Protein backbone atom coordinates (compact mmCIF):
# COMPACT_ATOMS: atom_id res chain seq x y z
CA MET A 1 0.00 0.00 0.00
CA ARG A 2 1.55 3.31 -1.08
CA SER A 3 0.96 5.78 1.74
CA ILE A 4 0.36 9.51 1.33
CA ALA A 5 0.57 12.09 4.12
CA MET A 6 -2.64 12.30 6.17
CA SER A 7 -4.36 15.51 7.27
CA GLU A 8 -5.87 16.12 10.69
CA ASP A 9 -8.35 18.75 9.54
CA LEU A 10 -9.55 20.54 6.44
CA ARG A 11 -7.08 23.41 6.77
CA SER A 12 -3.98 21.25 7.06
CA HIS A 13 -5.26 19.24 4.10
CA LEU A 14 -5.60 22.39 2.01
CA GLU A 15 -2.03 23.32 2.94
CA LEU A 16 -0.93 19.89 1.71
CA LEU A 17 -2.83 20.31 -1.56
CA GLU A 18 -1.38 23.79 -2.06
CA ARG A 19 2.19 22.52 -1.58
CA GLU A 20 1.57 19.88 -4.22
CA GLY A 21 -0.07 22.24 -6.71
CA LEU A 22 -3.54 20.76 -6.22
CA LEU A 23 -5.27 23.84 -4.79
CA ARG A 24 -6.22 27.10 -6.47
CA LYS A 25 -7.34 30.18 -4.54
CA VAL A 26 -9.74 32.76 -5.96
CA SER A 27 -9.46 36.17 -4.30
CA ILE A 28 -11.87 38.25 -6.42
CA PRO A 29 -15.45 38.73 -5.12
CA VAL A 30 -17.73 35.82 -6.09
CA ASP A 31 -21.43 35.20 -5.44
CA PRO A 32 -21.60 31.83 -3.67
CA ILE A 33 -25.31 31.33 -4.16
CA LYS A 34 -25.54 31.27 -7.96
CA GLU A 35 -22.08 31.97 -9.39
CA ILE A 36 -20.03 29.25 -7.68
CA PRO A 37 -22.34 26.42 -8.86
CA GLU A 38 -21.88 27.54 -12.46
CA ILE A 39 -18.12 27.83 -11.98
CA LEU A 40 -18.08 24.30 -10.58
CA ARG A 41 -20.04 22.95 -13.55
CA GLU A 42 -17.46 24.49 -15.86
CA LEU A 43 -14.69 22.86 -13.82
CA TYR A 44 -16.44 19.51 -14.28
CA ALA A 45 -16.71 20.06 -18.02
CA ARG A 46 -12.97 20.78 -18.19
CA LYS A 47 -12.14 17.79 -15.93
CA TYR A 48 -10.36 20.20 -13.60
CA ASP A 49 -8.37 18.14 -11.11
CA LYS A 50 -7.66 20.71 -8.38
CA ALA A 51 -9.61 21.88 -5.35
CA VAL A 52 -10.69 25.53 -5.42
CA LEU A 53 -10.96 27.87 -2.42
CA PHE A 54 -13.00 31.07 -2.84
CA GLU A 55 -11.68 33.63 -0.34
CA ASN A 56 -13.98 36.59 -1.05
CA LEU A 57 -17.69 35.75 -0.90
CA LYS A 58 -20.25 38.43 -1.67
CA GLY A 59 -22.61 38.80 1.27
CA PHE A 60 -20.70 36.32 3.43
CA GLU A 61 -17.46 38.15 4.18
CA ASP A 62 -16.52 36.08 7.24
CA TRP A 63 -16.72 32.77 5.35
CA LYS A 64 -14.70 31.07 2.62
CA ALA A 65 -16.05 28.40 0.26
CA LEU A 66 -14.31 25.24 -0.92
CA VAL A 67 -15.30 23.14 -3.94
CA ASN A 68 -13.97 20.17 -5.92
CA LEU A 69 -12.19 18.70 -2.89
CA PHE A 70 -12.74 15.18 -4.29
CA GLY A 71 -12.83 16.20 -7.96
CA SER A 72 -10.41 13.54 -9.28
CA MET A 73 -9.10 10.15 -8.21
CA LYS A 74 -5.80 11.83 -7.34
CA LEU A 75 -7.63 14.17 -4.94
CA VAL A 76 -9.53 11.24 -3.42
CA GLU A 77 -6.25 9.37 -2.88
CA LYS A 78 -4.74 12.45 -1.26
CA ALA A 79 -7.74 12.67 1.05
CA LEU A 80 -7.53 9.01 2.08
CA GLY A 81 -3.76 8.97 2.37
CA THR A 82 -3.24 6.05 0.00
CA SER A 83 -3.52 5.00 -3.62
CA ASP A 84 -4.55 1.48 -2.57
CA LEU A 85 -8.24 1.99 -1.85
CA GLU A 86 -9.02 -1.72 -1.75
CA GLY A 87 -6.37 -2.02 0.94
CA LEU A 88 -8.45 0.26 3.16
CA GLY A 89 -11.33 -2.19 3.06
CA GLU A 90 -8.93 -5.07 3.65
CA ARG A 91 -7.62 -3.27 6.75
CA PHE A 92 -11.06 -3.36 8.34
CA LEU A 93 -11.73 -6.98 7.38
CA ALA A 94 -8.32 -8.41 8.27
CA PRO A 95 -9.21 -9.59 11.81
CA PHE A 96 -12.24 -11.51 10.52
CA LYS A 97 -10.55 -13.41 7.69
CA GLY A 98 -9.49 -17.01 7.98
CA ARG A 99 -10.70 -19.70 10.34
CA PRO A 100 -8.74 -20.02 13.59
CA GLU A 101 -7.62 -23.65 13.88
CA GLY A 102 -6.30 -23.82 17.43
CA LEU A 103 -6.23 -21.91 20.69
CA VAL A 104 -3.27 -19.78 19.64
CA ASP A 105 -5.01 -18.74 16.40
CA LYS A 106 -8.22 -17.98 18.28
CA ILE A 107 -6.39 -15.82 20.81
CA LYS A 108 -4.64 -13.99 17.97
CA MET A 109 -7.94 -13.35 16.17
CA LEU A 110 -9.52 -12.09 19.39
CA GLY A 111 -6.58 -9.74 19.85
CA ASP A 112 -6.94 -8.46 16.29
CA VAL A 113 -10.66 -7.82 16.76
CA ILE A 114 -10.09 -6.08 20.08
CA GLY A 115 -7.33 -4.08 18.39
CA ILE A 116 -9.92 -2.41 16.17
CA GLY A 117 -11.16 -0.75 19.34
CA LYS A 118 -8.17 1.60 19.28
CA TYR A 119 -9.88 3.35 16.35
CA LEU A 120 -13.03 4.21 18.31
CA PRO A 121 -13.66 7.97 18.56
CA LYS A 122 -11.57 9.78 21.16
CA LYS A 123 -13.53 12.21 23.30
CA VAL A 124 -11.79 15.48 24.22
CA ARG A 125 -12.99 18.39 26.35
CA LYS A 126 -12.69 21.13 23.76
CA GLY A 127 -11.89 21.53 20.09
CA PRO A 128 -11.14 24.21 17.49
CA VAL A 129 -14.72 24.16 16.22
CA GLU A 130 -15.77 25.87 19.47
CA GLN A 131 -13.85 29.10 18.81
CA ILE A 132 -16.93 31.23 18.09
CA GLU A 133 -20.52 30.97 19.38
CA ARG A 134 -22.65 32.62 16.69
CA GLU A 135 -26.21 33.84 16.54
CA PRO A 136 -28.07 30.79 15.20
CA ASP A 137 -28.86 31.61 11.58
CA LEU A 138 -28.80 29.02 8.81
CA LEU A 139 -29.12 31.73 6.16
CA SER A 140 -25.78 33.21 7.25
CA ILE A 141 -24.04 30.15 5.76
CA PRO A 142 -22.89 30.57 2.11
CA ALA A 143 -24.82 27.52 0.91
CA PHE A 144 -25.33 27.23 -2.85
CA LYS A 145 -28.47 27.24 -4.95
CA THR A 146 -27.10 24.51 -7.18
CA TRP A 147 -29.63 24.68 -10.05
CA PRO A 148 -32.00 27.48 -11.15
CA LYS A 149 -35.20 25.62 -10.22
CA ASP A 150 -34.03 24.31 -6.85
CA ALA A 151 -36.56 25.16 -4.14
CA SER A 152 -33.96 26.94 -2.01
CA ARG A 153 -30.32 26.98 -1.04
CA TYR A 154 -28.95 23.65 0.12
CA LEU A 155 -26.21 22.27 2.31
CA THR A 156 -24.95 19.67 -0.15
CA TYR A 157 -22.04 18.11 1.74
CA ALA A 158 -22.69 18.44 5.45
CA LEU A 159 -22.48 15.53 7.89
CA THR A 160 -25.80 14.92 9.65
CA ILE A 161 -24.92 13.24 12.95
CA THR A 162 -27.46 11.04 14.73
CA LYS A 163 -27.42 8.19 17.23
CA ASP A 164 -29.42 4.98 17.45
CA PRO A 165 -31.42 5.41 20.68
CA ASP A 166 -31.34 1.64 21.31
CA THR A 167 -27.67 0.83 20.68
CA GLY A 168 -25.92 4.20 21.01
CA ILE A 169 -24.18 3.60 17.67
CA HIS A 170 -23.47 6.85 15.81
CA ASN A 171 -24.05 7.60 12.18
CA PHE A 172 -23.16 10.62 10.11
CA GLY A 173 -24.50 10.75 6.59
CA VAL A 174 -24.34 13.15 3.67
CA TYR A 175 -27.97 14.12 3.09
CA ARG A 176 -29.03 17.23 1.25
CA ILE A 177 -30.47 19.86 3.58
CA MET A 178 -32.81 22.57 2.31
CA LEU A 179 -32.52 25.88 4.15
CA TYR A 180 -36.04 26.99 5.03
CA SER A 181 -35.52 29.95 7.37
CA PRO A 182 -32.89 31.18 9.84
CA ARG A 183 -33.79 28.45 12.36
CA ARG A 184 -35.41 25.74 10.21
CA ALA A 185 -34.18 23.34 7.53
CA VAL A 186 -35.52 20.16 5.91
CA ILE A 187 -33.35 17.03 5.92
CA HIS A 188 -33.76 14.75 2.91
CA TRP A 189 -32.87 11.34 4.29
CA GLN A 190 -34.40 8.55 2.29
CA ILE A 191 -36.36 5.86 4.11
CA HIS A 192 -33.55 3.29 3.77
CA LYS A 193 -30.79 5.50 5.18
CA ARG A 194 -29.43 5.02 8.68
CA GLY A 195 -30.31 8.56 9.73
CA ALA A 196 -33.92 7.94 8.72
CA GLN A 197 -33.98 4.65 10.64
CA HIS A 198 -32.81 6.49 13.76
CA TYR A 199 -35.56 9.07 13.15
CA PHE A 200 -38.25 6.39 12.97
CA LYS A 201 -37.09 4.95 16.30
CA TYR A 202 -37.44 8.35 17.96
CA LYS A 203 -40.83 8.77 16.31
CA GLU A 204 -42.01 5.46 17.80
CA ARG A 205 -40.91 6.73 21.21
CA GLY A 206 -42.59 10.09 20.68
CA GLU A 207 -39.32 11.86 21.51
CA GLU A 208 -37.42 14.73 19.92
CA MET A 209 -34.34 13.52 18.07
CA PRO A 210 -31.06 15.34 18.79
CA VAL A 211 -29.15 16.21 15.63
CA VAL A 212 -25.81 17.88 14.98
CA ILE A 213 -24.87 18.96 11.46
CA ALA A 214 -21.13 19.30 10.84
CA ILE A 215 -19.71 21.45 8.05
CA GLY A 216 -16.15 20.60 7.06
CA GLY A 217 -13.67 18.43 8.93
CA ASP A 218 -10.79 16.17 8.03
CA PRO A 219 -11.11 14.70 4.52
CA VAL A 220 -11.31 11.05 5.65
CA THR A 221 -14.25 11.75 7.95
CA LEU A 222 -15.92 13.78 5.20
CA LEU A 223 -15.58 10.89 2.75
CA THR A 224 -16.78 8.38 5.33
CA GLY A 225 -20.02 10.32 5.58
CA ALA A 226 -20.82 9.34 1.99
CA LEU A 227 -19.81 5.67 2.37
CA PRO A 228 -22.43 2.90 2.77
CA VAL A 229 -21.01 1.60 6.03
CA PRO A 230 -22.92 -1.56 7.06
CA GLU A 231 -25.65 -1.22 9.66
CA GLY A 232 -24.34 -1.84 13.15
CA ILE A 233 -20.88 -0.39 12.53
CA ASP A 234 -20.25 3.01 14.08
CA LYS A 235 -19.17 5.41 11.36
CA TYR A 236 -16.64 7.06 13.66
CA LEU A 237 -15.01 3.65 14.09
CA PHE A 238 -14.97 3.11 10.33
CA ALA A 239 -13.44 6.56 9.76
CA GLY A 240 -10.82 5.81 12.42
CA VAL A 241 -9.83 2.58 10.67
CA LEU A 242 -9.53 4.41 7.34
CA LYS A 243 -7.42 7.15 8.97
CA GLY A 244 -5.34 4.79 11.04
CA SER A 245 -6.13 6.90 14.12
CA PRO A 246 -9.30 7.71 16.10
CA VAL A 247 -11.51 10.66 15.17
CA GLN A 248 -11.34 13.27 17.93
CA VAL A 249 -14.81 14.29 19.09
CA ILE A 250 -16.56 16.51 21.59
CA GLU A 251 -19.89 15.70 23.19
CA VAL A 252 -22.60 18.18 22.29
CA ASN A 253 -26.37 17.79 22.43
CA GLY A 254 -25.88 14.21 23.62
CA LEU A 255 -24.00 13.35 20.43
CA LEU A 256 -20.36 13.02 19.44
CA ALA A 257 -19.23 15.61 16.89
CA PRO A 258 -15.82 16.04 15.22
CA THR A 259 -13.66 18.63 16.93
CA ASN A 260 -12.01 19.61 13.64
CA ALA A 261 -15.22 20.59 11.84
CA GLU A 262 -15.47 24.14 10.51
CA ALA A 263 -18.97 24.60 11.97
CA LEU A 264 -21.49 22.67 14.05
CA LEU A 265 -25.22 23.28 13.73
CA ILE A 266 -26.82 21.96 16.90
CA GLY A 267 -30.52 21.25 17.24
CA HIS A 268 -33.27 18.68 17.01
CA VAL A 269 -35.89 17.10 14.79
CA ASN A 270 -39.48 16.95 15.99
CA PRO A 271 -40.73 13.48 15.00
CA ASN A 272 -44.21 14.79 14.21
CA GLU A 273 -43.20 17.74 12.03
CA VAL A 274 -42.53 17.50 8.29
CA ALA A 275 -42.34 20.08 5.52
CA TRP A 276 -42.10 20.12 1.75
CA GLU A 277 -38.60 19.59 0.37
CA GLY A 278 -37.57 20.09 -3.24
CA PRO A 279 -37.47 20.24 -6.16
CA PHE A 280 -33.71 19.71 -6.30
CA GLY A 281 -31.41 19.14 -9.28
CA ASP A 282 -29.99 15.74 -8.41
CA HIS A 283 -27.19 13.38 -9.51
CA THR A 284 -29.55 11.80 -12.04
CA GLY A 285 -29.43 14.99 -14.10
CA TYR A 286 -33.12 15.62 -13.39
CA TYR A 287 -35.02 17.55 -10.75
CA THR A 288 -36.43 15.32 -8.03
CA PRO A 289 -39.97 16.41 -7.13
CA ARG A 290 -41.26 17.80 -3.85
CA ASP A 291 -41.91 15.46 -0.96
CA LEU A 292 -42.37 15.66 2.80
CA TYR A 293 -39.33 15.29 5.04
CA PRO A 294 -38.45 16.04 8.69
CA VAL A 295 -37.74 19.57 9.87
CA PHE A 296 -34.49 20.40 11.67
CA HIS A 297 -34.66 23.15 14.31
CA LEU A 298 -31.42 25.03 14.91
CA GLU A 299 -30.65 25.86 18.55
CA ARG A 300 -26.92 26.68 18.58
CA MET A 301 -24.28 27.45 15.97
CA ILE A 302 -20.55 27.26 16.72
CA THR A 303 -17.71 27.72 14.25
CA ARG A 304 -14.00 28.16 13.86
CA ARG A 305 -12.67 31.63 13.07
CA ASP A 306 -13.01 32.39 9.35
CA PRO A 307 -14.91 29.14 8.72
CA ILE A 308 -14.66 27.31 5.41
CA TYR A 309 -17.90 26.08 3.84
CA TYR A 310 -17.50 22.94 1.74
CA GLY A 311 -20.23 22.19 -0.78
CA THR A 312 -20.69 20.29 -3.99
CA VAL A 313 -22.93 20.35 -7.05
CA VAL A 314 -24.37 17.23 -8.62
CA GLY A 315 -25.96 16.65 -12.02
CA LYS A 316 -25.39 14.62 -15.16
CA PRO A 317 -22.10 12.64 -14.99
CA LEU A 318 -19.28 13.31 -14.56
CA THR A 319 -19.39 15.45 -11.44
CA GLU A 320 -17.45 15.33 -8.18
CA ASP A 321 -19.62 12.57 -6.76
CA ALA A 322 -18.43 10.24 -9.55
CA TYR A 323 -15.01 10.02 -7.91
CA ILE A 324 -16.54 9.52 -4.47
CA GLY A 325 -18.61 6.72 -5.97
CA LYS A 326 -15.56 5.11 -7.54
CA ALA A 327 -13.73 5.28 -4.21
CA THR A 328 -16.73 3.61 -2.57
CA GLU A 329 -16.60 0.83 -5.16
CA ARG A 330 -12.92 0.13 -4.49
CA ILE A 331 -13.10 0.37 -0.68
CA PHE A 332 -16.07 -1.97 -0.44
CA LEU A 333 -14.96 -4.51 -3.06
CA PRO A 334 -13.17 -6.52 -0.33
CA PHE A 335 -16.42 -6.61 1.67
CA ILE A 336 -18.30 -8.02 -1.34
CA LYS A 337 -15.55 -10.59 -1.93
CA PHE A 338 -15.61 -11.52 1.75
CA LEU A 339 -19.33 -12.34 1.52
CA LEU A 340 -19.23 -13.67 -2.07
CA PRO A 341 -15.76 -15.20 -2.65
CA GLU A 342 -16.60 -16.02 -6.28
CA VAL A 343 -16.62 -12.30 -7.14
CA VAL A 344 -13.48 -11.17 -8.99
CA ASP A 345 -14.19 -7.49 -9.66
CA VAL A 346 -16.99 -4.92 -9.71
CA ASN A 347 -17.58 -1.81 -11.79
CA LEU A 348 -20.21 0.76 -10.83
CA PRO A 349 -19.80 3.10 -13.81
CA PRO A 350 -20.48 6.77 -13.00
CA GLU A 351 -22.71 6.96 -16.06
CA GLY A 352 -24.83 4.30 -14.36
CA LEU A 353 -25.67 6.76 -11.57
CA PHE A 354 -24.23 4.59 -8.78
CA HIS A 355 -27.34 2.44 -8.26
CA GLY A 356 -28.25 2.16 -11.94
CA ILE A 357 -25.77 -0.41 -13.25
CA ALA A 358 -23.32 -2.86 -11.70
CA ILE A 359 -20.99 -5.03 -13.79
CA VAL A 360 -19.60 -7.98 -11.84
CA SER A 361 -17.09 -10.62 -12.89
CA ILE A 362 -17.11 -14.01 -11.19
CA LYS A 363 -15.19 -17.25 -11.12
CA LYS A 364 -18.04 -19.43 -12.36
CA LYS A 365 -18.08 -22.88 -10.75
CA TYR A 366 -21.48 -24.42 -11.54
CA PRO A 367 -24.66 -23.97 -13.60
CA GLY A 368 -26.83 -21.10 -12.37
CA HIS A 369 -23.92 -19.52 -10.52
CA ALA A 370 -24.34 -16.10 -12.18
CA LYS A 371 -28.00 -15.88 -11.22
CA LYS A 372 -27.17 -16.89 -7.67
CA VAL A 373 -24.71 -13.97 -7.51
CA ILE A 374 -27.30 -11.56 -8.93
CA HIS A 375 -29.78 -12.45 -6.20
CA ALA A 376 -27.08 -12.32 -3.53
CA LEU A 377 -25.95 -8.84 -4.60
CA TRP A 378 -29.52 -7.58 -4.38
CA GLY A 379 -29.46 -8.69 -0.76
CA LEU A 380 -26.33 -6.73 0.20
CA GLY A 381 -26.89 -3.31 1.78
CA GLN A 382 -26.80 -0.50 -0.77
CA MET A 383 -26.41 -3.01 -3.61
CA ALA A 384 -30.11 -3.72 -3.06
CA PHE A 385 -30.86 -0.53 -5.00
CA THR A 386 -28.97 -1.60 -8.13
CA LYS A 387 -31.39 -1.50 -11.05
CA VAL A 388 -29.34 -3.55 -13.53
CA VAL A 389 -26.75 -6.19 -12.56
CA ILE A 390 -24.62 -7.69 -15.34
CA VAL A 391 -22.53 -10.75 -14.44
CA VAL A 392 -19.63 -11.77 -16.69
CA ASP A 393 -16.85 -14.38 -16.60
CA GLU A 394 -13.61 -13.74 -14.72
CA ASP A 395 -11.61 -13.10 -17.91
CA VAL A 396 -13.79 -10.11 -18.84
CA ASN A 397 -12.46 -6.71 -17.76
CA VAL A 398 -15.51 -5.13 -16.12
CA HIS A 399 -14.02 -1.66 -16.61
CA ASP A 400 -13.79 -2.12 -20.40
CA TRP A 401 -17.18 -1.38 -21.96
CA GLY A 402 -16.05 -3.04 -25.20
CA GLN A 403 -15.38 -6.34 -23.47
CA VAL A 404 -18.66 -6.11 -21.55
CA ALA A 405 -20.60 -5.40 -24.75
CA TYR A 406 -18.96 -8.39 -26.43
CA ALA A 407 -19.90 -10.61 -23.48
CA LEU A 408 -23.50 -9.43 -23.71
CA ALA A 409 -23.67 -10.02 -27.45
CA SER A 410 -21.94 -13.40 -27.44
CA THR A 411 -23.39 -15.12 -24.36
CA VAL A 412 -26.88 -13.75 -23.68
CA ASP A 413 -30.18 -15.18 -24.86
CA PRO A 414 -32.74 -12.65 -23.57
CA LYS A 415 -35.39 -15.21 -22.67
CA ARG A 416 -32.98 -17.53 -20.87
CA ASP A 417 -30.47 -15.14 -19.33
CA VAL A 418 -32.42 -12.06 -18.24
CA LEU A 419 -34.05 -11.90 -14.81
CA LEU A 420 -36.84 -9.37 -14.24
CA THR A 421 -38.22 -8.67 -10.79
CA GLU A 422 -41.14 -6.57 -9.57
CA GLY A 423 -41.99 -5.05 -6.22
CA ASP A 424 -38.33 -4.84 -5.21
CA VAL A 425 -36.55 -2.16 -3.21
CA VAL A 426 -35.29 0.59 -5.56
CA ASP A 427 -33.57 3.96 -5.28
CA VAL A 428 -36.10 6.58 -4.16
CA LEU A 429 -34.40 9.10 -6.47
CA ASP A 430 -34.95 6.98 -9.60
CA HIS A 431 -37.59 8.94 -11.52
CA THR A 432 -38.12 6.04 -13.97
CA THR A 433 -39.86 4.06 -11.23
CA PRO A 434 -43.60 4.87 -11.06
CA THR A 435 -44.03 3.57 -7.49
CA PRO A 436 -40.90 4.33 -5.42
CA PRO A 437 -39.51 3.04 -3.12
CA VAL A 438 -40.49 -0.21 -4.84
CA GLY A 439 -40.08 -1.08 -8.51
CA SER A 440 -38.52 -3.49 -10.96
CA LYS A 441 -34.94 -4.61 -11.51
CA MET A 442 -33.04 -6.60 -14.10
CA GLY A 443 -30.23 -9.12 -13.84
CA ILE A 444 -28.30 -10.34 -16.87
CA ASP A 445 -26.25 -13.54 -16.95
CA ALA A 446 -23.54 -12.70 -19.51
CA THR A 447 -21.35 -15.68 -18.67
CA ARG A 448 -20.50 -18.57 -21.00
CA LYS A 449 -23.13 -21.24 -20.50
CA TRP A 450 -22.78 -24.75 -19.19
CA LYS A 451 -24.70 -27.54 -20.93
CA GLU A 452 -27.17 -27.71 -18.04
CA GLU A 453 -28.05 -24.05 -18.63
CA CYS A 454 -28.53 -24.05 -22.39
CA GLY A 455 -29.21 -27.69 -23.32
CA TYR A 456 -26.24 -28.09 -25.67
CA GLU A 457 -22.47 -28.03 -25.67
CA TRP A 458 -21.25 -24.42 -25.69
CA PRO A 459 -19.13 -23.81 -28.80
CA GLU A 460 -15.37 -23.63 -28.54
CA GLU A 461 -13.86 -20.15 -28.69
CA VAL A 462 -11.35 -19.36 -31.40
CA GLU A 463 -7.73 -19.24 -30.30
CA GLY A 464 -4.47 -19.07 -32.20
CA ASP A 465 -1.75 -21.71 -32.08
CA PRO A 466 0.49 -20.71 -29.13
CA ARG A 467 3.61 -22.07 -30.88
CA ILE A 468 3.03 -19.92 -33.95
CA ARG A 469 2.17 -16.95 -31.73
CA GLU A 470 5.54 -17.34 -30.00
CA ILE A 471 7.34 -17.42 -33.38
CA VAL A 472 5.54 -14.27 -34.53
CA ALA A 473 6.39 -12.49 -31.29
CA ARG A 474 10.05 -13.45 -31.63
CA ARG A 475 10.27 -12.32 -35.27
CA TRP A 476 8.07 -9.23 -34.98
CA ASN A 477 10.84 -6.70 -35.54
CA GLU A 478 11.95 -8.62 -38.65
CA TYR A 479 8.61 -7.96 -40.33
CA GLY A 480 9.28 -4.23 -40.42
CA LEU A 481 5.73 -3.51 -39.29
């Protein structure tokens, strides 16, 4: 694993990026509400691979705004401190791999599992985010109006921190948050998300739900907020494993919040109060319609001096979230392989909108194996939302659309090899589904068929004579070609 220097907070990370020529600063006055989103779209179109810090915001003179922090795989690798993203997933799984044969092995495994505990969040008495106690006012934050027909300005990359009232396990997710008024906002957490599940538990109890919204922080914790960490695993623990050190937190509002955030918005959600949220220009490239979501009530607002607002803009691919999605794919590939050892590789193409298409290669061992994998993937966490799953043989490069297209054309009989389901869990944001959050999905077996699957001997593939191929390779320069 090739290591890269880690950053303890957003500011030290920006210093690192600046030293390496991966940060640009804009000092002229810029309107953050409407101008920055259009600038960011132009950066996407140009495949701009540097973060950008706007230092002079019209109407928000005491704030700065950061964009494109994860706008390339190089920037993602800098944020995570490594170019080996699969190795990060392996780091978390390492204690659980293998079967302990004897007492010594069992003791070693127990020690490894206990060792993960060193990455649990570390509580401190005070942190830099507590430098300034501000008048609570959501509208004083330079949040963007990302598209012209958005219902309002949105926090597009804030960490919404909640806690399971039964287990005490923390979650922090990246959910869009519509600013409604100085003290009220609407949190768009879909029904399947962990934050929403915590909300429903508080609703059953008839209790207010404490919420803290963090703006900014160290880049690993920020990325972890967008990762589909399995239910039951504390996200602070997962972030600590990725960082290689515990996340430092303070206790506020009964919750743990990162000390290195740029701002903390402290308040609650009333379980019986909802408001209209949307429309919002989403990652699908379409506006998602209005719907009812819980209302967040702001009670306190604390920040660092000269706080930095980090936000993003989504839309038709490729945008910044494409690289976050690709990092997610690589980090969680070891988890998929751990549960499904036959899986060789996975590609969630950005053009497939994360949950739209998954291409999976497997080491096929028996008839019906590909369909078994399709059903299994639909039962794994966020993979349950995948609309189309294509399974290919292990020798197909899932990242090469040409090879995938050839596999589809040369192995698939639509009647035999296509699975269609109805009434399944689907992505709430998928506008093609008439009845979200349930709809239809498709699985395609694009593997070479066994006789038991097709009723005849599969034809032999063409292949050159290896002896002649060796002669040609040896004499290639003689041909003058």
